[in-house]
C-alpha cells in the first residue's frame, strides 16, 4: 500500500532537515534514505512560481520543500487560487507552473494563446475525489451516483433540502451542502462526473479553501461535502468518507480501487501545467524531473494521494523533456479516460 498518513510528511521533513545538517558537518558522507535528490546541483538558483488547484497544493508543497532541501538557492512559492484562478495567472505569464485538478479548458487555451504562453501538460498523481459526511452521520455509508445527482444537480436547487428526499430510508433531516467554488477544478470534475451537463445547484456553501469545507462538514451532523482525498485523509477523525456505487456495488477509495478504475467515476488524474519557455531554465528542468522521478512518488502518498505507475511517470517525464505542448484531452474530460491510452 502506498497511502500513508500525512503526519509522515512532517516526520520526514524534520528527519531530512537533521540529515542535511549532519551531512554538511561531516564532509564526504552520503545518505541513501528519503526521496531521490535527482536534479541536485550546487549551481542551481532562481525562482519558481506555482499557483492553482488547492487539491494539488499538498503535492506541490511537498515536492517544493524536498527539492529546496537539496537546492537551497532555488526559491519556490506555491499559491492556491483554484484551478481556474491558477490558469488565469499562468496564461497572464505571472506563474511558471499551474496546478490543476482537471484538464485545461478551451477558454483557457485561448487565453494562453493570446499571450503566447505555450504549456506542457503533465499528470503527476491520482486522486479519489471524496464525498464526505459528518462522523456522527449514522445513516449514509454508501451512495449511488444517481443519489448524489439527486442531491447536487441543478434541478435540486430550492427543492431537495432533506436527506429523505435523496433516499427514502434516510431521516427527515436537513441536508446541508458544502463544496468548492466555481474556480475549482474539483467543482468542474464533480459536475462532469455527477451533476451532469446542466451543472450543479448553486444554493450550497462554497469555498476555494478545502479546509473551510472540512470545517463546515465536521461541524454539522447533517452536512455533506466533497474535495480531494488528501483533505479527508488529514481529517478522517472528524469526517466519514462515503463509499460510491457507480453501478458495480459500493466501492471504498483505496490504492487498488483508484488504480484499477473501480472507484468510478470519482477516481481522476491530477496535473501540473509547465511553461515551455520556463523549461529552458535549468532550475525548472531539474524541478520537473524531480517531480516526475518515481523514486519520489512516496511524497505523493505521504500527503494523501495515489502515485501513478512507473511507466506513466516515464511517459509524463518524456513529454516534459521533449517539450510536447498542448493537451491530450481535447474535450477537457477525463472521466473514464486512462492515462496509458492518451500519453
Protein backbone atom coordinates (compact mmCIF):
# COMPACT_ATOMS: atom_id res chain seq x y z
CA UNK A 1 0.00 0.00 0.00
CA UNK A 2 1.29 3.43 -0.94
CA UNK A 3 -1.08 5.50 1.16
CA UNK A 4 0.34 6.86 4.40
CA UNK A 5 -0.92 9.35 6.95
CA UNK A 6 0.03 12.94 6.29
CA UNK A 7 1.89 13.14 9.62
CA UNK A 8 4.60 11.05 7.97
CA UNK A 9 5.37 14.07 5.83
CA UNK A 10 6.24 16.19 8.87
CA UNK A 11 8.34 13.39 10.34
CA UNK A 12 10.33 13.06 7.14
CA UNK A 13 10.84 16.81 6.76
CA UNK A 14 12.25 17.04 10.27
CA UNK A 15 14.40 13.97 9.67
CA UNK A 16 15.70 15.33 6.38
CA UNK A 17 16.50 18.69 7.93
CA UNK A 18 18.60 16.91 10.55
CA UNK A 19 20.15 14.75 7.85
CA UNK A 20 21.12 17.74 5.71
CA UNK A 21 22.71 19.41 8.72
CA UNK A 22 24.67 16.30 9.61
CA UNK A 23 25.88 15.83 6.06
CA UNK A 24 27.11 19.41 5.99
CA UNK A 25 29.03 18.80 9.21
CA UNK A 26 30.55 15.56 8.02
CA UNK A 27 32.14 16.07 4.62
CA UNK A 28 32.05 13.13 2.30
CA UNK A 29 29.17 11.27 3.97
CA UNK A 30 26.18 10.18 1.88
CA UNK A 31 22.66 9.03 2.68
CA UNK A 32 20.51 6.50 0.87
CA UNK A 33 17.40 7.43 2.87
CA UNK A 34 14.43 9.55 1.80
CA UNK A 35 13.45 10.89 -1.60
CA UNK A 36 15.73 10.93 -4.60
CA UNK A 37 17.90 14.02 -4.97
CA UNK A 38 17.76 13.83 -8.75
CA UNK A 39 18.39 17.30 -10.09
CA UNK A 40 20.52 18.33 -7.12
CA UNK A 41 23.09 20.82 -8.34
CA UNK A 42 25.07 23.24 -6.23
CA UNK A 43 24.94 25.72 -9.11
CA UNK A 44 21.17 25.81 -9.42
CA UNK A 45 19.46 29.05 -8.46
CA UNK A 46 16.39 31.02 -9.38
CA UNK A 47 12.71 31.42 -8.55
CA UNK A 48 9.74 29.24 -9.50
CA UNK A 49 6.18 30.49 -9.04
CA UNK A 50 3.37 27.96 -8.72
CA UNK A 51 -0.35 28.57 -8.25
CA UNK A 52 -3.66 26.89 -8.91
CA UNK A 53 -5.55 23.91 -7.55
CA UNK A 54 -5.98 23.53 -3.79
CA UNK A 55 -6.29 19.79 -4.42
CA UNK A 56 -2.81 19.59 -5.96
CA UNK A 57 -1.42 22.06 -3.40
CA UNK A 58 -0.22 19.43 -0.84
CA UNK A 59 1.73 17.58 -3.56
CA UNK A 60 3.29 20.79 -4.89
CA UNK A 61 4.27 21.92 -1.40
CA UNK A 62 5.88 18.56 -0.61
CA UNK A 63 7.82 18.48 -3.87
CA UNK A 64 8.92 22.10 -3.50
CA UNK A 65 10.10 21.61 0.06
CA UNK A 66 12.06 18.45 -0.69
CA UNK A 67 13.64 19.92 -3.82
CA UNK A 68 14.73 23.05 -1.96
CA UNK A 69 16.41 20.93 0.71
CA UNK A 70 18.81 19.75 -1.99
CA UNK A 71 18.85 23.07 -3.90
CA UNK A 72 18.80 25.83 -1.33
CA UNK A 73 19.36 28.63 -3.86
CA UNK A 74 16.14 27.79 -5.71
CA UNK A 75 13.15 29.58 -4.19
CA UNK A 76 9.73 28.08 -4.91
CA UNK A 77 6.45 29.74 -3.93
CA UNK A 78 3.15 27.85 -4.05
CA UNK A 79 -0.26 29.54 -4.07
CA UNK A 80 -3.82 28.15 -4.13
CA UNK A 81 -6.24 30.27 -6.12
CA UNK A 82 -8.08 27.25 -7.54
CA UNK A 83 -7.57 25.54 -10.90
CA UNK A 84 -9.38 28.28 -12.80
CA UNK A 85 -7.70 31.08 -10.90
CA UNK A 86 -4.34 29.42 -11.42
CA UNK A 87 -4.80 29.23 -15.18
CA UNK A 88 -5.67 32.95 -15.27
CA UNK A 89 -2.33 33.75 -13.63
CA UNK A 90 -0.44 31.19 -15.72
CA UNK A 91 -1.85 32.45 -19.03
CA UNK A 92 -1.01 36.01 -17.98
CA UNK A 93 2.64 34.97 -17.52
CA UNK A 94 2.54 35.51 -13.75
CA UNK A 95 3.47 31.90 -12.88
CA UNK A 96 5.56 29.14 -14.45
CA UNK A 97 3.59 26.15 -13.16
CA UNK A 98 -0.17 25.86 -12.80
CA UNK A 99 -1.61 23.15 -10.55
CA UNK A 100 -4.81 21.67 -11.95
CA UNK A 101 -7.31 19.05 -10.82
CA UNK A 102 -8.83 18.91 -14.30
CA UNK A 103 -7.56 19.43 -17.87
CA UNK A 104 -7.26 22.92 -19.29
CA UNK A 105 -10.48 24.31 -20.83
CA UNK A 106 -10.79 25.78 -24.29
CA UNK A 107 -11.28 29.30 -22.95
CA UNK A 108 -8.01 28.92 -21.03
CA UNK A 109 -6.25 27.51 -24.08
CA UNK A 110 -7.40 30.60 -25.99
CA UNK A 111 -6.26 32.91 -23.18
CA UNK A 112 -2.79 31.37 -23.16
CA UNK A 113 -2.62 31.62 -26.95
CA UNK A 114 -3.43 35.34 -26.79
CA UNK A 115 -0.40 35.84 -24.54
CA UNK A 116 1.82 33.42 -26.49
CA UNK A 117 2.10 31.13 -23.48
CA UNK A 118 2.92 27.57 -24.54
CA UNK A 119 2.31 24.88 -21.92
CA UNK A 120 3.30 21.29 -21.28
CA UNK A 121 0.54 19.19 -19.71
CA UNK A 122 1.95 16.79 -17.12
CA UNK A 123 -0.03 14.30 -14.97
CA UNK A 124 1.53 13.91 -11.52
CA UNK A 125 -0.79 11.73 -9.40
CA UNK A 126 -4.22 10.20 -8.98
CA UNK A 127 -6.93 11.42 -6.64
CA UNK A 128 -10.04 9.77 -5.27
CA UNK A 129 -12.46 12.68 -5.16
CA UNK A 130 -14.14 12.08 -1.82
CA UNK A 131 -17.73 12.67 -0.79
CA UNK A 132 -17.79 13.14 2.97
CA UNK A 133 -20.33 13.45 5.76
CA UNK A 134 -20.10 14.25 9.45
CA UNK A 135 -18.65 11.48 11.62
CA UNK A 136 -21.94 11.32 13.57
CA UNK A 137 -23.96 10.63 10.44
CA UNK A 138 -25.22 7.08 11.09
CA UNK A 139 -27.47 6.64 8.06
CA UNK A 140 -25.31 7.18 4.97
CA UNK A 141 -22.50 4.69 4.29
CA UNK A 142 -22.72 4.26 0.53
CA UNK A 143 -24.42 6.41 -2.07
CA UNK A 144 -25.14 5.69 -5.70
CA UNK A 145 -24.21 8.10 -8.45
CA UNK A 146 -27.94 8.70 -9.00
CA UNK A 147 -28.45 9.61 -5.34
CA UNK A 148 -25.55 12.03 -5.47
CA UNK A 149 -27.00 13.55 -8.61
CA UNK A 150 -30.37 13.94 -6.90
CA UNK A 151 -28.67 15.90 -4.12
CA UNK A 152 -26.34 18.03 -6.25
CA UNK A 153 -27.80 18.56 -9.73
CA UNK A 154 -29.11 21.94 -10.84
CA UNK A 155 -32.72 20.74 -10.71
CA UNK A 156 -32.31 20.13 -6.96
CA UNK A 157 -31.89 23.82 -6.22
CA UNK A 158 -34.65 25.03 -3.93
CA UNK A 159 -36.30 21.60 -3.99
CA UNK A 160 -34.06 18.95 -2.41
CA UNK A 161 -33.50 20.10 1.16
CA UNK A 162 -33.90 16.90 3.21
CA UNK A 163 -31.87 13.72 3.37
CA UNK A 164 -35.12 11.74 3.00
CA UNK A 165 -35.61 13.25 -0.46
CA UNK A 166 -32.32 11.69 -1.58
CA UNK A 167 -33.12 8.24 -0.22
CA UNK A 168 -36.44 7.31 1.40
CA UNK A 169 -34.57 5.30 4.05
CA UNK A 170 -32.65 8.36 5.22
CA UNK A 171 -34.06 10.52 8.06
CA UNK A 172 -36.27 13.58 7.56
CA UNK A 173 -33.32 15.79 8.49
CA UNK A 174 -32.00 18.95 6.81
CA UNK A 175 -29.49 18.38 4.01
CA UNK A 176 -26.66 20.90 4.31
CA UNK A 177 -24.21 21.02 1.43
CA UNK A 178 -20.62 22.30 1.24
CA UNK A 179 -18.46 22.32 -1.86
CA UNK A 180 -15.73 24.05 -3.87
CA UNK A 181 -16.32 27.32 -5.68
CA UNK A 182 -16.61 27.77 -9.43
CA UNK A 183 -12.86 28.44 -9.86
CA UNK A 184 -12.17 24.92 -8.58
CA UNK A 185 -11.26 22.07 -10.90
CA UNK A 186 -12.84 19.74 -8.36
CA UNK A 187 -16.15 21.58 -8.85
CA UNK A 188 -15.83 21.12 -12.61
CA UNK A 189 -14.93 17.44 -12.33
CA UNK A 190 -17.79 16.72 -9.90
CA UNK A 191 -20.23 18.36 -12.29
CA UNK A 192 -18.90 16.28 -15.17
CA UNK A 193 -18.98 13.01 -13.23
CA UNK A 194 -22.07 13.50 -11.05
CA UNK A 195 -24.25 16.56 -11.61
CA UNK A 196 -24.44 16.27 -15.38
CA UNK A 197 -24.46 18.67 -18.31
CA UNK A 198 -26.73 21.20 -16.63
CA UNK A 199 -24.20 21.62 -13.86
CA UNK A 200 -24.55 21.90 -10.12
CA UNK A 201 -27.13 23.56 -7.93
CA UNK A 202 -25.97 26.92 -6.65
CA UNK A 203 -27.57 27.02 -3.20
CA UNK A 204 -24.78 25.49 -1.16
CA UNK A 205 -21.90 26.88 0.89
CA UNK A 206 -18.83 27.32 -1.32
CA UNK A 207 -15.14 27.97 -0.73
CA UNK A 208 -11.93 27.75 -2.74
CA UNK A 209 -10.26 26.62 0.51
CA UNK A 210 -10.92 22.92 1.09
CA UNK A 211 -10.17 23.34 4.79
CA UNK A 212 -13.23 25.59 5.04
CA UNK A 213 -15.34 22.78 3.60
CA UNK A 214 -13.76 20.37 6.10
CA UNK A 215 -14.77 22.61 9.00
CA UNK A 216 -18.28 23.05 7.65
CA UNK A 217 -18.98 19.33 7.36
CA UNK A 218 -17.19 18.50 10.62
CA UNK A 219 -19.37 20.98 12.48
CA UNK A 220 -22.77 19.88 11.14
CA UNK A 221 -24.26 16.40 11.62
CA UNK A 222 -26.49 16.89 8.59
CA UNK A 223 -23.78 18.09 6.21
CA UNK A 224 -22.31 16.58 3.07
CA UNK A 225 -19.39 17.90 1.02
CA UNK A 226 -16.68 16.86 -1.39
CA UNK A 227 -12.98 17.52 -2.09
CA UNK A 228 -9.70 15.74 -2.85
CA UNK A 229 -8.80 12.63 -0.85
CA UNK A 230 -5.87 14.27 0.91
CA UNK A 231 -8.19 16.54 2.85
CA UNK A 232 -10.25 13.58 4.02
CA UNK A 233 -7.12 11.64 4.96
CA UNK A 234 -5.93 14.55 7.07
CA UNK A 235 -9.29 14.94 8.82
CA UNK A 236 -10.74 11.44 8.99
CA UNK A 237 -11.15 11.66 12.76
CA UNK A 238 -13.93 14.19 12.22
CA UNK A 239 -15.29 13.08 8.83
CA UNK A 240 -16.62 9.94 7.17
CA UNK A 241 -15.93 9.22 3.52
CA UNK A 242 -18.83 7.59 1.69
CA UNK A 243 -18.45 4.52 -0.45
CA UNK A 244 -19.56 5.18 -4.02
CA UNK A 245 -21.72 2.89 -6.13
CA UNK A 246 -21.10 3.67 -9.78
CA UNK A 247 -23.11 0.65 -10.92
CA UNK A 248 -20.93 -2.22 -9.69
CA UNK A 249 -21.56 -2.03 -5.97
CA UNK A 250 -20.19 0.08 -3.14
CA UNK A 251 -16.51 0.92 -3.59
CA UNK A 252 -14.19 2.44 -1.00
CA UNK A 253 -11.39 4.72 -2.27
CA UNK A 254 -8.02 2.99 -1.97
CA UNK A 255 -4.78 2.43 -3.88
CA UNK A 256 -6.25 -0.60 -5.61
CA UNK A 257 -9.67 0.85 -6.50
CA UNK A 258 -8.17 4.09 -7.82
CA UNK A 259 -5.52 2.41 -9.96
CA UNK A 260 -7.83 -0.27 -11.35
CA UNK A 261 -10.58 2.25 -12.05
CA UNK A 262 -13.28 0.60 -9.91
CA UNK A 263 -13.66 3.72 -7.75
CA UNK A 264 -15.73 5.15 -10.56
CA UNK A 265 -16.48 7.80 -11.60
CA UNK A 266 -14.57 9.75 -8.93
CA UNK A 267 -11.02 8.50 -9.50
CA UNK A 268 -9.18 11.15 -11.52
CA UNK A 269 -5.71 12.30 -12.58
CA UNK A 270 -4.10 15.46 -11.21
CA UNK A 271 -1.86 17.74 -13.28
CA UNK A 272 0.72 20.44 -13.43
CA UNK A 273 0.96 22.69 -16.49
CA UNK A 274 4.50 23.89 -17.10
CA UNK A 275 5.53 26.91 -19.14
CA UNK A 276 7.51 25.64 -22.14
CA UNK A 277 9.71 28.75 -22.07
CA UNK A 278 10.47 28.19 -18.38
CA UNK A 279 11.55 24.60 -19.09
CA UNK A 280 14.64 26.04 -20.77
CA UNK A 281 15.84 27.19 -17.35
CA UNK A 282 17.99 24.61 -15.57
CA UNK A 283 16.27 25.02 -12.18
CA UNK A 284 12.85 24.45 -13.75
CA UNK A 285 14.01 21.43 -15.77
CA UNK A 286 15.57 19.89 -12.65
CA UNK A 287 12.46 20.55 -10.54
CA UNK A 288 10.11 18.96 -13.07
CA UNK A 289 12.43 15.95 -13.41
CA UNK A 290 12.48 15.65 -9.60
CA UNK A 291 8.68 15.88 -9.53
CA UNK A 292 8.32 13.02 -12.02
CA UNK A 293 11.05 10.76 -10.68
CA UNK A 294 9.35 7.52 -9.49
CA UNK A 295 11.85 7.46 -6.62
CA UNK A 296 9.99 10.46 -5.20
CA UNK A 297 6.46 9.14 -5.55
CA UNK A 298 6.31 8.39 -1.83
CA UNK A 299 5.89 12.15 -1.38
CA UNK A 300 2.58 11.84 -3.22
CA UNK A 301 1.46 9.07 -0.87
CA UNK A 302 2.62 10.93 2.21
CA UNK A 303 0.25 13.82 1.55
CA UNK A 304 -2.71 11.53 0.93
CA UNK A 305 -2.81 10.94 -2.82
CA UNK A 306 -2.10 7.99 -5.08
CA UNK A 307 1.15 7.65 -7.06
CA UNK A 308 0.95 6.76 -10.73
CA UNK A 309 2.54 3.55 -12.08
CA UNK A 310 6.21 3.95 -13.00
CA UNK A 311 5.53 3.64 -16.73
CA UNK A 312 3.12 6.60 -16.56
CA UNK A 313 5.75 8.66 -14.74
CA UNK A 314 8.14 7.72 -17.55
CA UNK A 315 5.73 8.86 -20.25
CA UNK A 316 4.99 12.09 -18.39
CA UNK A 317 8.70 12.79 -17.96
CA UNK A 318 9.37 12.14 -21.65
CA UNK A 319 6.58 14.54 -22.54
CA UNK A 320 8.13 17.24 -20.35
CA UNK A 321 11.69 16.67 -21.55
CA UNK A 322 10.63 16.69 -25.20
CA UNK A 323 8.66 19.88 -24.63
CA UNK A 324 5.40 18.49 -26.04
CA UNK A 325 2.85 21.26 -25.83
CA UNK A 326 -0.93 21.16 -25.80
CA UNK A 327 -3.44 18.89 -24.11
CA UNK A 328 -4.24 15.23 -24.73
CA UNK A 329 -7.81 15.89 -23.54
CA UNK A 330 -9.28 17.97 -26.40
CA UNK A 331 -12.79 17.85 -24.91
CA UNK A 332 -11.46 18.67 -21.43
CA UNK A 333 -12.82 15.46 -19.92
CA UNK A 334 -11.02 12.73 -18.01
CA UNK A 335 -13.94 10.63 -16.70
CA UNK A 336 -13.32 7.09 -17.92
CA UNK A 337 -10.08 8.03 -19.71
CA UNK A 338 -6.91 6.03 -18.97
CA UNK A 339 -3.61 7.95 -18.96
CA UNK A 340 -1.89 4.95 -20.51
CA UNK A 341 -4.13 5.33 -23.56
CA UNK A 342 -3.53 9.03 -24.18
CA UNK A 343 0.08 9.75 -23.20
